[in-house]
Amino acid sequence: MVIDKDFLYPRSRYYGDFTPENLLFNANIQEFAQRVSLICGLETGGKISPEEAYDQIRVLWKDLKKSKKNLGIGKEGNS
C-alpha cells in the first residue's frame, strides 16, 4: 500500500514576498505546525503525557527559531 504524503502533510501555497529564504522558512513553519498538531493529538488521546508534549513542542520551537536566525529572516535590509 502506498501512502500519499501530500494527504498526510499538506502544503499551502506561499503568497508572501518571494525570496528563497522566505520560501524555505514558510515550509519550516508549515512543518512546525503539522508536527505540533500531531503532538497535540497524541497528548489529547492519552498516548503521551502533557510534559512530554510540552518538551517536544519546545524542541520544535527552538529548531524553528534557529532556522529563522540561520536564514536571516527579520534582519534589517531583508524583507
N, C-alpha and C. Protein backbone atom coordinates (compact mmCIF):
# COMPACT_ATOMS: atom_id res chain seq x y z
N MET A 1 0.84 -1.18 0.00
CA MET A 1 0.00 0.00 0.00
C MET A 1 0.89 1.25 0.00
N VAL A 2 0.61 2.17 -0.88
CA VAL A 2 1.37 3.41 -0.99
C VAL A 2 0.59 4.52 -0.28
N ILE A 3 1.30 5.25 0.59
CA ILE A 3 0.68 6.35 1.32
C ILE A 3 1.02 7.66 0.63
N ASP A 4 0.00 8.44 0.36
CA ASP A 4 0.19 9.73 -0.28
C ASP A 4 0.63 10.74 0.78
N LYS A 5 1.90 11.18 0.73
CA LYS A 5 2.43 12.10 1.73
C LYS A 5 1.77 13.47 1.65
N ASP A 6 1.26 13.86 0.47
CA ASP A 6 0.57 15.13 0.35
C ASP A 6 -0.70 15.13 1.18
N PHE A 7 -1.31 13.96 1.33
CA PHE A 7 -2.50 13.86 2.16
C PHE A 7 -2.14 13.99 3.64
N LEU A 8 -1.05 13.35 4.04
CA LEU A 8 -0.64 13.40 5.44
C LEU A 8 0.00 14.72 5.82
N TYR A 9 0.75 15.30 4.90
CA TYR A 9 1.46 16.54 5.17
C TYR A 9 1.15 17.57 4.08
N PRO A 10 -0.05 18.11 4.11
CA PRO A 10 -0.41 19.07 3.05
C PRO A 10 0.41 20.35 3.16
N ARG A 11 0.69 20.95 2.04
CA ARG A 11 1.43 22.22 1.99
C ARG A 11 0.52 23.26 1.34
N SER A 12 0.54 24.44 1.93
CA SER A 12 -0.21 25.54 1.35
C SER A 12 0.72 26.35 0.47
N ARG A 13 0.13 27.07 -0.47
CA ARG A 13 0.93 27.95 -1.33
C ARG A 13 1.50 29.09 -0.51
N TYR A 14 2.58 29.65 -1.01
CA TYR A 14 3.22 30.79 -0.36
C TYR A 14 2.85 32.05 -1.11
N TYR A 15 2.27 33.02 -0.40
CA TYR A 15 1.81 34.26 -1.03
C TYR A 15 2.63 35.48 -0.63
N GLY A 16 3.63 35.32 0.21
CA GLY A 16 4.41 36.46 0.69
C GLY A 16 5.44 36.94 -0.33
N ASP A 17 6.28 37.87 0.12
CA ASP A 17 7.37 38.37 -0.72
C ASP A 17 8.32 37.21 -1.00
N PHE A 18 8.55 36.95 -2.28
CA PHE A 18 9.35 35.78 -2.63
C PHE A 18 10.84 36.06 -2.50
N THR A 19 11.46 35.28 -1.68
CA THR A 19 12.91 35.11 -1.64
C THR A 19 13.10 33.63 -1.32
N PRO A 20 14.21 33.05 -1.70
CA PRO A 20 14.43 31.64 -1.34
C PRO A 20 14.37 31.42 0.18
N GLU A 21 14.89 32.40 0.94
CA GLU A 21 14.88 32.28 2.39
C GLU A 21 13.45 32.30 2.95
N ASN A 22 12.62 33.21 2.44
CA ASN A 22 11.23 33.28 2.90
C ASN A 22 10.47 32.01 2.55
N LEU A 23 10.70 31.49 1.36
CA LEU A 23 10.02 30.27 0.93
C LEU A 23 10.43 29.09 1.81
N LEU A 24 11.69 28.96 2.10
CA LEU A 24 12.17 27.87 2.95
C LEU A 24 11.64 28.02 4.37
N PHE A 25 11.64 29.25 4.89
CA PHE A 25 11.13 29.45 6.25
C PHE A 25 9.64 29.15 6.31
N ASN A 26 8.90 29.50 5.26
CA ASN A 26 7.48 29.18 5.22
C ASN A 26 7.27 27.67 5.27
N ALA A 27 8.09 26.92 4.55
CA ALA A 27 7.99 25.46 4.60
C ALA A 27 8.31 24.95 6.01
N ASN A 28 9.29 25.58 6.66
CA ASN A 28 9.63 25.20 8.03
C ASN A 28 8.48 25.48 8.99
N ILE A 29 7.81 26.61 8.81
CA ILE A 29 6.66 26.95 9.66
C ILE A 29 5.53 25.95 9.45
N GLN A 30 5.28 25.58 8.20
CA GLN A 30 4.22 24.61 7.93
C GLN A 30 4.54 23.25 8.55
N GLU A 31 5.79 22.84 8.48
CA GLU A 31 6.19 21.58 9.10
C GLU A 31 6.05 21.66 10.62
N PHE A 32 6.44 22.79 11.20
CA PHE A 32 6.29 23.00 12.64
C PHE A 32 4.82 22.86 13.05
N ALA A 33 3.94 23.52 12.32
CA ALA A 33 2.51 23.48 12.65
C ALA A 33 1.96 22.07 12.53
N GLN A 34 2.38 21.34 11.51
CA GLN A 34 1.92 19.97 11.32
C GLN A 34 2.37 19.08 12.47
N ARG A 35 3.61 19.22 12.87
CA ARG A 35 4.14 18.39 13.96
C ARG A 35 3.49 18.74 15.30
N VAL A 36 3.27 20.04 15.54
CA VAL A 36 2.60 20.45 16.78
C VAL A 36 1.19 19.86 16.81
N SER A 37 0.52 19.88 15.68
CA SER A 37 -0.82 19.30 15.61
C SER A 37 -0.80 17.81 15.96
N LEU A 38 0.17 17.09 15.43
CA LEU A 38 0.28 15.66 15.73
C LEU A 38 0.58 15.42 17.21
N ILE A 39 1.48 16.20 17.78
CA ILE A 39 1.83 16.07 19.19
C ILE A 39 0.60 16.36 20.06
N CYS A 40 -0.14 17.40 19.71
CA CYS A 40 -1.35 17.73 20.47
C CYS A 40 -2.37 16.59 20.40
N GLY A 41 -2.50 15.98 19.24
CA GLY A 41 -3.40 14.85 19.10
C GLY A 41 -2.97 13.67 19.95
N LEU A 42 -1.68 13.40 19.99
CA LEU A 42 -1.17 12.31 20.82
C LEU A 42 -1.41 12.59 22.31
N GLU A 43 -1.20 13.83 22.71
CA GLU A 43 -1.42 14.18 24.12
C GLU A 43 -2.91 14.12 24.46
N THR A 44 -3.75 14.63 23.60
CA THR A 44 -5.20 14.60 23.83
C THR A 44 -5.70 13.17 23.91
N GLY A 45 -5.13 12.30 23.09
CA GLY A 45 -5.53 10.90 23.08
C GLY A 45 -4.91 10.07 24.18
N GLY A 46 -4.10 10.69 25.03
CA GLY A 46 -3.51 9.98 26.15
C GLY A 46 -2.31 9.12 25.79
N LYS A 47 -1.76 9.29 24.60
CA LYS A 47 -0.61 8.49 24.18
C LYS A 47 0.71 9.02 24.72
N ILE A 48 0.76 10.32 24.99
CA ILE A 48 1.94 10.91 25.61
C ILE A 48 1.47 11.85 26.72
N SER A 49 2.34 12.12 27.67
CA SER A 49 1.99 12.99 28.80
C SER A 49 2.04 14.46 28.37
N PRO A 50 1.36 15.31 29.13
CA PRO A 50 1.45 16.75 28.83
C PRO A 50 2.89 17.26 28.89
N GLU A 51 3.67 16.74 29.83
CA GLU A 51 5.07 17.18 29.95
C GLU A 51 5.88 16.77 28.71
N GLU A 52 5.64 15.54 28.22
CA GLU A 52 6.35 15.09 27.02
C GLU A 52 5.94 15.92 25.81
N ALA A 53 4.65 16.22 25.71
CA ALA A 53 4.17 17.06 24.61
C ALA A 53 4.83 18.43 24.66
N TYR A 54 4.86 19.01 25.85
CA TYR A 54 5.49 20.32 26.02
C TYR A 54 6.95 20.28 25.62
N ASP A 55 7.67 19.27 26.08
CA ASP A 55 9.09 19.16 25.77
C ASP A 55 9.32 19.02 24.27
N GLN A 56 8.51 18.21 23.62
CA GLN A 56 8.67 18.02 22.17
C GLN A 56 8.37 19.30 21.41
N ILE A 57 7.33 20.02 21.81
CA ILE A 57 6.99 21.28 21.14
C ILE A 57 8.07 22.32 21.39
N ARG A 58 8.62 22.34 22.60
CA ARG A 58 9.69 23.29 22.91
C ARG A 58 10.91 23.05 22.02
N VAL A 59 11.26 21.79 21.79
CA VAL A 59 12.39 21.46 20.90
C VAL A 59 12.08 21.92 19.48
N LEU A 60 10.86 21.67 19.02
CA LEU A 60 10.48 22.11 17.67
C LEU A 60 10.56 23.63 17.56
N TRP A 61 10.11 24.34 18.60
CA TRP A 61 10.15 25.80 18.60
C TRP A 61 11.59 26.30 18.52
N LYS A 62 12.48 25.69 19.29
CA LYS A 62 13.90 26.09 19.25
C LYS A 62 14.48 25.86 17.86
N ASP A 63 14.12 24.74 17.23
CA ASP A 63 14.59 24.47 15.87
C ASP A 63 14.08 25.51 14.89
N LEU A 64 12.81 25.92 15.06
CA LEU A 64 12.24 26.93 14.17
C LEU A 64 12.93 28.28 14.36
N LYS A 65 13.21 28.64 15.61
CA LYS A 65 13.93 29.89 15.88
C LYS A 65 15.33 29.86 15.27
N LYS A 66 16.01 28.70 15.38
CA LYS A 66 17.34 28.56 14.80
C LYS A 66 17.28 28.70 13.28
N SER A 67 16.25 28.12 12.68
CA SER A 67 16.06 28.22 11.24
C SER A 67 15.89 29.68 10.83
N LYS A 68 15.06 30.41 11.58
CA LYS A 68 14.83 31.83 11.28
C LYS A 68 16.14 32.60 11.34
N LYS A 69 16.91 32.35 12.38
CA LYS A 69 18.19 33.06 12.54
C LYS A 69 19.15 32.71 11.41
N ASN A 70 19.27 31.41 11.09
CA ASN A 70 20.20 30.97 10.05
C ASN A 70 19.83 31.49 8.68
N LEU A 71 18.53 31.67 8.43
CA LEU A 71 18.08 32.17 7.13
C LEU A 71 18.11 33.69 7.06
N GLY A 72 18.33 34.35 8.18
CA GLY A 72 18.39 35.82 8.19
C GLY A 72 17.03 36.47 8.04
N ILE A 73 15.98 35.79 8.45
CA ILE A 73 14.63 36.33 8.34
C ILE A 73 14.44 37.38 9.43
N GLY A 74 13.90 38.54 9.04
CA GLY A 74 13.60 39.59 10.01
C GLY A 74 14.74 40.53 10.29
N LYS A 75 15.89 40.32 9.67
CA LYS A 75 17.01 41.24 9.87
C LYS A 75 16.80 42.46 9.01
N GLU A 76 17.42 43.58 9.42
CA GLU A 76 17.31 44.79 8.63
C GLU A 76 17.85 44.62 7.24
N GLY A 77 17.13 45.20 6.28
CA GLY A 77 17.55 45.10 4.89
C GLY A 77 17.09 43.82 4.22
N ASN A 78 16.38 42.98 4.97
CA ASN A 78 15.87 41.72 4.43
C ASN A 78 14.37 41.69 4.64
N SER A 79 13.62 41.59 3.57
CA SER A 79 12.16 41.62 3.66
C SER A 79 11.62 40.38 4.29
